[in-house]
Amino acid sequence: MIEPIMMDILASGNPFDGVSPDFGLWGGAFTETWQRLLAGVWGVAVVVTAFLAIKAIVSMANAKDDNPAMYQQSKTSALRTGAAVIGLLLLGVIYTGIFVLTGV
């Protein structure tokens, strides 16, 4: 039942073929505003995750030998926070790579 529908969708083609995002329509002031807003939110996110990483590492260091569950929970938190920091710092590279690969 689903397969014929999927085949029809795939055969219909891409309606967005040749369309690229362009904020020039709204003018330079709009573009400057959203870029500054994005940069500000991105900066706050990096600072917040840095504090969370410090908190997780300190929690891991404070885990007692008689409480391995606390250590494991702190370790998991530190790994997740580290991944978030790396993801945030590489966000520009990731988006650039996607745009280059898709030809946008």
C-alpha atoms as a PDB file:
ATOM      1  CA  MET A   1       0.000   0.000   0.000  1.00  0.00           C
ATOM      2  CA  ILE A   2       2.717   2.455   0.992  1.00  0.00           C
ATOM      3  CA  GLU A   3       5.165   1.402  -1.727  1.00  0.00           C
ATOM      4  CA  PRO A   4       3.068   2.680  -4.680  1.00  0.00           C
ATOM      5  CA  ILE A   5       2.555   5.996  -2.894  1.00  0.00           C
ATOM      6  CA  MET A   6       6.279   6.323  -2.251  1.00  0.00           C
ATOM      7  CA  MET A   7       7.053   5.493  -5.872  1.00  0.00           C
ATOM      8  CA  ASP A   8       4.613   8.205  -7.025  1.00  0.00           C
ATOM      9  CA  ILE A   9       6.231  10.726  -4.701  1.00  0.00           C
ATOM     10  CA  LEU A  10       9.727   9.840  -5.893  1.00  0.00           C
ATOM     11  CA  ALA A  11       8.687   9.931  -9.549  1.00  0.00           C
ATOM     12  CA  SER A  12       7.046  13.343  -9.244  1.00  0.00           C
ATOM     13  CA  GLY A  13      10.385  15.153  -8.989  1.00  0.00           C
ATOM     14  CA  ASN A  14      11.676  17.842  -6.684  1.00  0.00           C
ATOM     15  CA  PRO A  15       9.429  20.933  -6.609  1.00  0.00           C
ATOM     16  CA  PHE A  16      12.298  22.950  -5.081  1.00  0.00           C
ATOM     17  CA  ASP A  17      14.781  22.142  -7.846  1.00  0.00           C
ATOM     18  CA  GLY A  18      16.736  25.295  -8.655  1.00  0.00           C
ATOM     19  CA  VAL A  19      15.394  27.231  -5.645  1.00  0.00           C
ATOM     20  CA  SER A  20      17.961  28.632  -3.186  1.00  0.00           C
ATOM     21  CA  PRO A  21      17.374  30.485   0.073  1.00  0.00           C
ATOM     22  CA  ASP A  22      17.765  34.246  -0.416  1.00  0.00           C
ATOM     23  CA  PHE A  23      17.134  36.834   2.285  1.00  0.00           C
ATOM     24  CA  GLY A  24      17.999  39.687  -0.086  1.00  0.00           C
ATOM     25  CA  LEU A  25      14.288  40.104  -0.746  1.00  0.00           C
ATOM     26  CA  TRP A  26      13.843  41.592   2.738  1.00  0.00           C
ATOM     27  CA  GLY A  27      16.754  44.001   2.447  1.00  0.00           C
ATOM     28  CA  GLY A  28      20.138  44.438   4.055  1.00  0.00           C
ATOM     29  CA  ALA A  29      18.806  45.602   7.428  1.00  0.00           C
ATOM     30  CA  PHE A  30      16.809  42.392   7.859  1.00  0.00           C
ATOM     31  CA  THR A  31      19.788  40.244   6.886  1.00  0.00           C
ATOM     32  CA  GLU A  32      22.073  42.085   9.282  1.00  0.00           C
ATOM     33  CA  THR A  33      19.532  41.770  12.104  1.00  0.00           C
ATOM     34  CA  TRP A  34      18.954  38.040  11.810  1.00  0.00           C
ATOM     35  CA  GLN A  35      22.682  37.372  11.441  1.00  0.00           C
ATOM     36  CA  ARG A  36      23.445  39.345  14.606  1.00  0.00           C
ATOM     37  CA  LEU A  37      20.608  37.609  16.459  1.00  0.00           C
ATOM     38  CA  LEU A  38      21.833  34.177  15.337  1.00  0.00           C
ATOM     39  CA  ALA A  39      25.408  35.025  16.368  1.00  0.00           C
ATOM     40  CA  GLY A  40      24.208  36.184  19.791  1.00  0.00           C
ATOM     41  CA  VAL A  41      22.125  33.069  20.442  1.00  0.00           C
ATOM     42  CA  TRP A  42      24.976  30.883  19.207  1.00  0.00           C
ATOM     43  CA  GLY A  43      27.408  32.642  21.557  1.00  0.00           C
ATOM     44  CA  VAL A  44      25.094  32.234  24.552  1.00  0.00           C
ATOM     45  CA  ALA A  45      24.669  28.529  23.720  1.00  0.00           C
ATOM     46  CA  VAL A  46      28.459  28.032  23.656  1.00  0.00           C
ATOM     47  CA  VAL A  47      28.853  29.772  27.033  1.00  0.00           C
ATOM     48  CA  VAL A  48      26.015  27.758  28.617  1.00  0.00           C
ATOM     49  CA  THR A  49      27.415  24.446  27.382  1.00  0.00           C
ATOM     50  CA  ALA A  50      30.892  25.423  28.609  1.00  0.00           C
ATOM     51  CA  PHE A  51      29.492  25.972  32.120  1.00  0.00           C
ATOM     52  CA  LEU A  52      27.593  22.672  31.912  1.00  0.00           C
ATOM     53  CA  ALA A  53      30.805  20.905  30.852  1.00  0.00           C
ATOM     54  CA  ILE A  54      32.670  22.332  33.845  1.00  0.00           C
ATOM     55  CA  LYS A  55      29.832  21.301  36.157  1.00  0.00           C
ATOM     56  CA  ALA A  56      29.812  17.748  34.753  1.00  0.00           C
ATOM     57  CA  ILE A  57      33.592  17.371  35.071  1.00  0.00           C
ATOM     58  CA  VAL A  58      33.579  18.644  38.667  1.00  0.00           C
ATOM     59  CA  SER A  59      30.703  16.288  39.474  1.00  0.00           C
ATOM     60  CA  MET A  60      32.699  13.418  37.990  1.00  0.00           C
ATOM     61  CA  ALA A  61      35.723  14.360  40.103  1.00  0.00           C
ATOM     62  CA  ASN A  62      33.578  14.542  43.251  1.00  0.00           C
ATOM     63  CA  ALA A  63      32.020  11.108  42.737  1.00  0.00           C
ATOM     64  CA  LYS A  64      32.976   8.891  45.631  1.00  0.00           C
ATOM     65  CA  ASP A  65      34.581   5.493  45.178  1.00  0.00           C
ATOM     66  CA  ASP A  66      31.677   3.866  47.013  1.00  0.00           C
ATOM     67  CA  ASN A  67      29.126   5.323  44.554  1.00  0.00           C
ATOM     68  CA  PRO A  68      29.905   4.091  41.028  1.00  0.00           C
ATOM     69  CA  ALA A  69      26.403   5.029  39.810  1.00  0.00           C
ATOM     70  CA  MET A  70      27.076   8.712  40.563  1.00  0.00           C
ATOM     71  CA  TYR A  71      30.372   8.499  38.684  1.00  0.00           C
ATOM     72  CA  GLN A  72      28.717   6.825  35.686  1.00  0.00           C
ATOM     73  CA  GLN A  73      25.943   9.429  35.617  1.00  0.00           C
ATOM     74  CA  SER A  74      28.507  12.248  35.818  1.00  0.00           C
ATOM     75  CA  LYS A  75      30.595  10.648  33.080  1.00  0.00           C
ATOM     76  CA  THR A  76      27.557  10.348  30.789  1.00  0.00           C
ATOM     77  CA  SER A  77      26.694  13.980  31.451  1.00  0.00           C
ATOM     78  CA  ALA A  78      30.261  15.062  30.686  1.00  0.00           C
ATOM     79  CA  LEU A  79      30.315  13.118  27.408  1.00  0.00           C
ATOM     80  CA  ARG A  80      26.971  14.537  26.272  1.00  0.00           C
ATOM     81  CA  THR A  81      27.979  18.059  27.198  1.00  0.00           C
ATOM     82  CA  GLY A  82      31.305  17.626  25.399  1.00  0.00           C
ATOM     83  CA  ALA A  83      29.479  16.457  22.288  1.00  0.00           C
ATOM     84  CA  ALA A  84      27.196  19.509  22.520  1.00  0.00           C
ATOM     85  CA  VAL A  85      30.187  21.867  22.787  1.00  0.00           C
ATOM     86  CA  ILE A  86      31.881  20.243  19.796  1.00  0.00           C
ATOM     87  CA  GLY A  87      28.645  20.361  17.807  1.00  0.00           C
ATOM     88  CA  LEU A  88      28.116  24.034  18.574  1.00  0.00           C
ATOM     89  CA  LEU A  89      31.686  24.964  17.702  1.00  0.00           C
ATOM     90  CA  LEU A  90      31.513  23.034  14.416  1.00  0.00           C
ATOM     91  CA  LEU A  91      28.049  24.285  13.473  1.00  0.00           C
ATOM     92  CA  GLY A  92      29.363  26.692  10.842  1.00  0.00           C
ATOM     93  CA  VAL A  93      31.521  23.998   9.257  1.00  0.00           C
ATOM     94  CA  ILE A  94      28.621  21.532   9.267  1.00  0.00           C
ATOM     95  CA  TYR A  95      26.238  23.961   7.557  1.00  0.00           C
ATOM     96  CA  THR A  96      28.887  25.029   5.053  1.00  0.00           C
ATOM     97  CA  GLY A  97      29.502  21.382   4.177  1.00  0.00           C
ATOM     98  CA  ILE A  98      25.781  20.763   3.694  1.00  0.00           C
ATOM     99  CA  PHE A  99      25.461  23.824   1.453  1.00  0.00           C
ATOM    100  CA  VAL A 100      28.493  22.808  -0.610  1.00  0.00           C
ATOM    101  CA  LEU A 101      27.283  19.231  -1.018  1.00  0.00           C
ATOM    102  CA  THR A 102      23.756  20.277  -1.975  1.00  0.00           C
ATOM    103  CA  GLY A 103      24.903  23.086  -4.250  1.00  0.00           C
ATOM    104  CA  VAL A 104      22.969  25.833  -2.471  1.00  0.00           C
END
